[in-house]
Protein backbone atom coordinates (compact mmCIF):
# COMPACT_ATOMS: atom_id res chain seq x y z
CA MET A 1 40.31 -19.59 86.48
CA THR A 2 42.14 -17.72 83.71
CA ARG A 3 45.40 -15.76 85.19
CA ILE A 4 45.40 -12.61 84.09
CA PRO A 5 48.81 -10.48 82.91
CA THR A 6 48.94 -7.29 84.95
CA THR A 7 49.31 -5.47 81.89
CA ALA A 8 45.41 -6.80 80.97
CA ARG A 9 44.60 -6.26 84.25
CA ALA A 10 45.77 -2.26 84.05
CA GLY A 11 43.99 -1.94 80.48
CA LEU A 12 40.86 -3.52 81.53
CA ALA A 13 40.85 -1.03 84.89
CA GLY A 14 40.90 1.88 82.28
CA LEU A 15 38.66 0.53 79.65
CA ALA A 16 36.00 0.25 82.60
CA ALA A 17 36.34 3.87 83.82
CA VAL A 18 35.84 5.03 80.19
CA ALA A 19 34.07 2.66 78.39
CA PRO A 20 32.28 0.11 80.79
CA PRO A 21 30.77 -2.36 78.11
CA LEU A 22 33.87 -2.66 76.25
CA ALA A 23 35.63 -3.52 79.30
CA VAL A 24 32.76 -6.17 80.00
CA GLU A 25 33.07 -7.81 76.45
CA ALA A 26 37.04 -7.52 76.65
CA ALA A 27 36.78 -9.48 80.28
CA TYR A 28 34.19 -11.98 78.84
CA ARG A 29 36.81 -12.56 76.12
CA MET A 30 39.57 -13.04 78.35
CA PHE A 31 36.86 -15.60 80.82
CA ARG A 32 36.33 -17.68 78.08
CA HIS A 33 40.12 -18.23 77.14
CA VAL A 34 41.46 -21.04 78.39
CA GLY A 35 45.27 -21.00 77.43
CA ALA A 36 47.98 -23.17 76.82
CA PRO A 37 47.82 -26.83 78.24
CA ALA A 38 49.40 -26.69 81.58
CA PRO A 39 52.65 -28.96 81.79
CA VAL A 40 53.34 -32.37 83.90
CA ARG A 41 55.17 -30.94 87.50
CA ALA A 42 58.14 -32.72 88.16
CA VAL A 43 57.01 -33.82 91.11
CA ASP A 44 53.96 -35.40 89.56
CA ARG A 45 56.34 -37.01 86.61
CA ALA A 46 56.34 -40.76 88.62
CA VAL A 47 52.66 -40.77 89.00
CA HIS A 48 51.49 -39.35 85.99
CA ASP A 49 53.78 -41.85 84.04
CA ARG A 50 52.90 -44.60 85.40
CA ALA A 51 49.04 -44.57 84.80
CA ARG A 52 46.94 -46.49 82.54
CA ARG A 53 45.30 -44.61 79.69
CA GLY A 54 41.99 -44.39 77.77
CA ARG A 55 39.84 -42.12 76.10
CA VAL A 56 36.59 -40.66 76.07
CA HIS A 57 34.48 -38.90 73.91
CA VAL A 58 32.80 -35.58 74.94
CA HIS A 59 31.25 -33.30 72.70
CA GLY A 60 33.25 -33.96 69.98
CA ASN A 61 36.52 -34.08 71.89
CA ASP A 62 39.16 -36.77 72.75
CA VAL A 63 39.35 -36.32 76.88
CA VAL A 64 41.88 -38.68 77.92
CA ALA A 65 41.58 -40.23 81.58
CA TYR A 66 43.68 -42.39 83.94
CA SER A 67 43.35 -44.41 86.20
CA TRP A 68 45.97 -46.41 88.73
CA GLY A 69 46.11 -48.99 91.13
CA ASP A 70 44.05 -52.32 91.48
CA PRO A 71 41.36 -52.41 88.30
CA ALA A 72 39.16 -54.48 90.82
CA ALA A 73 39.55 -52.02 93.70
CA PRO A 74 36.62 -49.16 94.04
CA PRO A 75 37.11 -46.26 91.92
CA VAL A 76 37.52 -42.82 93.11
CA LEU A 77 36.89 -40.20 90.17
CA LEU A 78 39.15 -36.88 90.36
CA ALA A 79 38.55 -33.86 88.40
CA HIS A 80 40.78 -30.80 88.35
CA GLY A 81 40.22 -27.53 87.80
CA TRP A 82 40.81 -24.79 85.42
CA GLN A 83 44.07 -24.73 83.62
CA LEU A 84 45.18 -27.82 85.53
CA ARG A 85 45.32 -31.40 84.86
CA ALA A 86 45.04 -34.87 86.13
CA SER A 87 48.52 -35.06 87.35
CA ARG A 88 47.96 -32.11 89.32
CA PHE A 89 46.68 -34.72 91.85
CA ALA A 90 49.27 -37.20 92.50
CA VAL A 91 49.76 -36.83 96.06
CA LEU A 92 45.75 -37.53 96.28
CA VAL A 93 46.41 -40.73 94.10
CA GLU A 94 48.99 -42.18 96.57
CA ALA A 95 47.00 -41.87 99.13
CA LEU A 96 43.95 -43.30 97.27
CA GLU A 97 45.95 -46.14 96.44
CA ALA A 98 47.60 -46.32 99.58
CA ALA A 99 43.84 -47.16 101.10
CA ASP A 100 43.06 -49.72 98.31
CA LEU A 101 41.20 -47.57 96.37
CA ARG A 102 41.56 -47.10 92.60
CA PRO A 103 41.96 -43.40 91.24
CA VAL A 104 40.54 -42.58 88.32
CA ALA A 105 40.92 -38.84 86.47
CA PHE A 106 40.99 -37.16 83.26
CA ASP A 107 42.25 -34.04 81.56
CA GLY A 108 39.14 -32.17 80.72
CA PRO A 109 38.32 -30.77 77.28
CA ALA A 110 41.05 -28.18 75.96
CA HIS A 111 43.30 -29.35 79.15
CA GLY A 112 46.26 -31.37 79.52
CA ALA A 113 46.26 -34.26 76.93
CA SER A 114 42.80 -34.11 75.76
CA SER A 115 41.04 -32.33 72.84
CA GLY A 116 39.62 -28.87 72.28
CA ARG A 117 40.65 -24.86 72.41
CA ARG A 118 37.79 -23.62 75.08
CA THR A 119 35.24 -25.50 77.26
CA THR A 120 33.02 -24.92 80.18
CA VAL A 121 31.71 -26.09 83.10
CA LEU A 122 28.70 -28.51 81.45
CA GLU A 123 31.35 -29.54 79.56
CA HIS A 124 33.94 -30.71 82.26
CA ALA A 125 30.31 -31.72 84.16
CA ALA A 126 29.81 -33.89 80.82
CA ALA A 127 33.56 -34.95 80.49
CA THR A 128 33.16 -36.40 84.53
CA ARG A 129 29.94 -38.49 83.65
CA ALA A 130 31.72 -39.88 80.41
CA VAL A 131 34.31 -41.28 82.61
CA GLN A 132 31.97 -42.13 85.53
CA GLU A 133 30.05 -44.29 83.12
CA ALA A 134 33.00 -46.23 81.44
CA THR A 135 34.49 -46.94 84.97
CA GLY A 136 31.12 -47.65 86.58
CA PRO A 137 29.55 -46.71 90.34
CA LEU A 138 32.15 -44.48 92.11
CA ALA A 139 33.27 -45.10 95.72
CA ALA A 140 33.37 -40.98 95.69
CA VAL A 141 34.06 -37.87 93.52
CA VAL A 142 36.66 -35.58 94.40
CA GLY A 143 36.78 -32.28 92.54
CA HIS A 144 38.94 -29.08 93.09
CA SER A 145 38.22 -25.79 92.08
CA LEU A 146 36.47 -25.76 89.04
CA GLY A 147 36.23 -29.28 88.93
CA ALA A 148 34.41 -29.55 92.28
CA LEU A 149 31.48 -27.08 91.10
CA ALA A 150 31.24 -29.72 87.85
CA ALA A 151 31.30 -32.84 90.06
CA GLY A 152 28.36 -31.75 92.04
CA LEU A 153 26.55 -30.27 89.03
CA ALA A 154 27.09 -33.76 87.44
CA LEU A 155 25.83 -35.44 90.86
CA ARG A 156 22.45 -33.84 90.53
CA ASP A 157 22.20 -35.21 86.90
CA GLY A 158 22.82 -38.44 88.26
CA LEU A 159 26.55 -39.14 88.40
CA ALA A 160 26.50 -42.61 90.27
CA ALA A 161 29.18 -41.80 93.36
CA ASP A 162 28.54 -42.48 96.62
CA ARG A 163 30.06 -39.56 98.24
CA TYR A 164 31.44 -35.88 97.06
CA VAL A 165 34.85 -34.05 98.03
CA ALA A 166 35.19 -30.64 97.03
CA ILE A 167 38.26 -28.81 97.59
CA ALA A 168 38.59 -24.85 97.14
CA ALA A 169 35.08 -25.32 95.16
CA PRO A 170 33.15 -22.18 94.43
CA THR A 171 29.66 -21.95 95.34
CA GLY A 172 27.91 -21.53 91.62
CA PHE A 173 28.28 -19.57 88.58
CA ASP A 174 28.02 -16.11 90.49
CA SER A 175 30.97 -16.60 92.25
CA VAL A 176 33.10 -18.25 89.37
CA VAL A 177 32.38 -15.26 87.79
CA ARG A 178 32.91 -12.97 90.67
CA ALA A 179 36.60 -14.07 91.60
CA PHE A 180 37.26 -13.47 87.89
CA ARG A 181 36.03 -10.04 87.98
CA ARG A 182 38.54 -9.55 91.51
CA GLN A 183 41.07 -11.09 89.55
CA ALA A 184 40.89 -8.75 86.44
CA GLY A 185 40.51 -5.64 88.66
CA LEU A 186 37.21 -5.32 87.54
CA PRO A 187 34.72 -2.90 90.01
CA GLU A 188 31.57 -4.29 91.63
CA ARG A 189 29.35 -2.34 89.39
CA LEU A 190 30.34 -4.61 86.38
CA HIS A 191 29.49 -7.53 87.94
CA GLU A 192 25.97 -7.80 86.73
CA PRO A 193 26.73 -7.08 83.23
CA LEU A 194 29.73 -9.87 83.35
CA CYS A 195 27.24 -12.30 84.52
CA GLU A 196 24.84 -11.63 81.59
CA ARG A 197 27.34 -11.84 79.17
CA VAL A 198 29.09 -14.69 80.14
CA ALA A 199 25.53 -16.70 80.42
CA ARG A 200 24.22 -14.91 77.01
CA GLY A 201 27.60 -15.99 75.73
CA LEU A 202 28.39 -19.63 77.31
CA PHE A 203 25.33 -21.10 78.06
CA PRO A 204 22.59 -19.97 75.21
CA ASP A 205 20.44 -23.31 75.56
CA ALA A 206 20.84 -23.50 79.63
CA ALA A 207 17.52 -21.54 80.67
CA GLU A 208 18.34 -19.86 83.92
CA ALA A 209 21.98 -20.68 84.25
CA ARG A 210 22.93 -19.10 86.70
CA ASP A 211 20.35 -20.87 89.01
CA ARG A 212 21.48 -24.22 87.11
CA LEU A 213 24.97 -23.37 88.08
CA ASP A 214 24.74 -23.17 91.76
CA LEU A 215 24.49 -25.46 94.51
CA LEU A 216 23.57 -22.96 97.25
CA ARG A 217 20.33 -22.85 95.50
CA ARG A 218 20.41 -26.28 93.81
CA PRO A 219 22.51 -28.27 96.49
CA VAL A 220 23.95 -31.79 95.57
CA PRO A 221 21.73 -34.70 96.79
CA ALA A 222 21.08 -35.09 100.46
CA ALA A 223 22.02 -38.92 100.07
CA ILE A 224 25.14 -38.10 99.14
CA PRO A 225 27.62 -37.23 102.29
CA ALA A 226 29.76 -34.42 101.43
CA LEU A 227 33.11 -33.25 102.62
CA PHE A 228 34.10 -29.84 101.67
CA VAL A 229 37.99 -28.43 102.22
CA HIS A 230 39.10 -24.85 102.06
CA ASP A 231 42.27 -22.97 102.84
CA VAL A 232 41.76 -19.22 104.73
CA ASP A 233 44.41 -18.43 102.74
CA ASP A 234 43.11 -18.88 99.15
CA THR A 235 42.75 -15.46 97.33
CA LEU A 236 41.03 -16.83 94.62
CA GLN A 237 37.52 -19.13 96.38
CA GLY A 238 37.97 -17.60 100.51
CA PRO A 239 36.80 -20.02 103.00
CA GLY A 240 33.42 -18.25 102.92
CA GLU A 241 32.59 -20.51 99.99
CA ALA A 242 33.01 -23.87 101.84
CA ARG A 243 31.15 -22.69 104.85
CA ARG A 244 27.81 -21.44 102.73
CA LEU A 245 28.74 -24.74 100.67
CA GLN A 246 28.41 -26.50 104.00
CA ALA A 247 25.39 -24.94 105.30
CA ALA A 248 23.18 -25.60 102.17
CA HIS A 249 24.42 -29.31 102.21
CA PRO A 250 22.91 -30.47 105.90
CA GLY A 251 25.09 -32.96 107.45
CA SER A 252 27.94 -32.38 105.41
CA GLU A 253 31.71 -31.79 106.65
CA LEU A 254 33.79 -28.80 106.52
CA LEU A 255 37.41 -29.18 106.75
CA VAL A 256 39.37 -25.28 106.69
CA THR A 257 43.34 -25.63 106.36
CA ALA A 258 45.89 -22.11 106.62
CA GLY A 259 48.84 -21.63 105.07
CA LEU A 260 48.24 -23.59 101.34
CA GLY A 261 46.16 -21.33 99.44
CA HIS A 262 43.82 -22.32 96.40
CA ASN A 263 46.77 -24.74 94.37
CA ARG A 264 48.61 -25.73 97.19
CA VAL A 265 46.09 -27.64 99.00
CA LEU A 266 46.29 -30.62 96.57
CA ASP A 267 49.89 -31.39 97.65
CA ASP A 268 49.07 -31.12 101.20
CA HIS A 269 49.39 -34.98 102.64
CA ASP A 270 47.03 -34.51 105.89
CA VAL A 271 44.32 -33.03 103.03
CA ALA A 272 44.77 -36.53 101.10
CA SER A 273 44.47 -37.92 104.72
CA ALA A 274 40.93 -36.28 105.34
CA VAL A 275 39.77 -37.16 102.00
CA VAL A 276 40.35 -41.10 101.78
CA ARG A 277 38.73 -40.60 105.65
CA HIS A 278 35.72 -39.75 104.33
CA VAL A 279 35.52 -41.52 101.84
CA THR A 280 36.37 -44.83 103.34
CA THR A 281 34.04 -44.16 106.21
CA THR A 282 31.33 -46.36 104.61
CA ALA A 283 32.04 -49.75 103.53
CA TYR A 284 31.17 -50.06 99.91
CA ALA A 285 30.09 -53.64 98.19
CA TYR A 286 31.70 -54.06 94.78
C-alpha cells in the first residue's frame, strides 16, 4: 500500500472538500504509484545474500526470483506485499528451511531488484504463476498483504499449490481501495468514485474487475486448505478481513495475533511456526 506523506494527505482532504473529482483523480495517481524499491533490511541481509537467484519474464518485466534450501525439497512460494520485497520473508525462509522445505520467493514487478515502474495485483498474480511454473508444483503458497490477494487470485486461475496461507490479507478490490482511501484521508462518500476510477484506469480489459478481484465473492478452490493470519493491531487491514475470509472458505484456519501490526507479523517466530505447521500437515510425494 502506497505510503502517503502528511502534507499530501492534508492536500487531498482539502481538495475533497472543494473539488471532489479532482481529489479522486489525484488519489488515483497516488494509488498507482509504487515508489522507489524498498532496500534490503540489515536484519534480512544474510538470508537475502545466500539465496540462489533466477529470472522469469512477466508482462515485459524481468522478475528476480530467489530460492533457499535443498533444491530437491518440496517448494513453498512466498509472495510479498506492496512496496516490500522477497527478503522481507527472512524469518519464514529460515523456518521453512529448518522444516526441510524449499522456500522460493520473488521481487514483484516494480519491486526490489525486478524491473518496471508500475504494477497491479493482476501482474503480481502473473508473477506468482510464472515463478510456480518455473519451480514446479508447490507444497504451499504464502502471501502477505497484497501478495496474499495476488496468490489467492493465482490459485483460482490454476496455480499448482497444495495449501494457501494469507497473512494480513485484504478481502479484495474494495478493501484495498478502502484502506488506501482511509490512509489518504478521503471521506466515505468518495469510495465509489475512487473505486470506479481505479477499476477504469488499471483494469480496462478486466470485465467486472471488482467482482473478479474479490476472494469473498469468488474464493480460493475449496480443495486447497487455507490459513488466514491477521493481527488485531493491523491499522491498514483490520482483523475483520481475515474473519470474513475464513467465513468465505469453510474449513479454513484462522490465527489472530496481537501487537505486531501489518508488517511486523512477518518477523514473528510464532507466526512462522504456525505457517510451517499448516504447510506440513499433509505429507507430500515429490
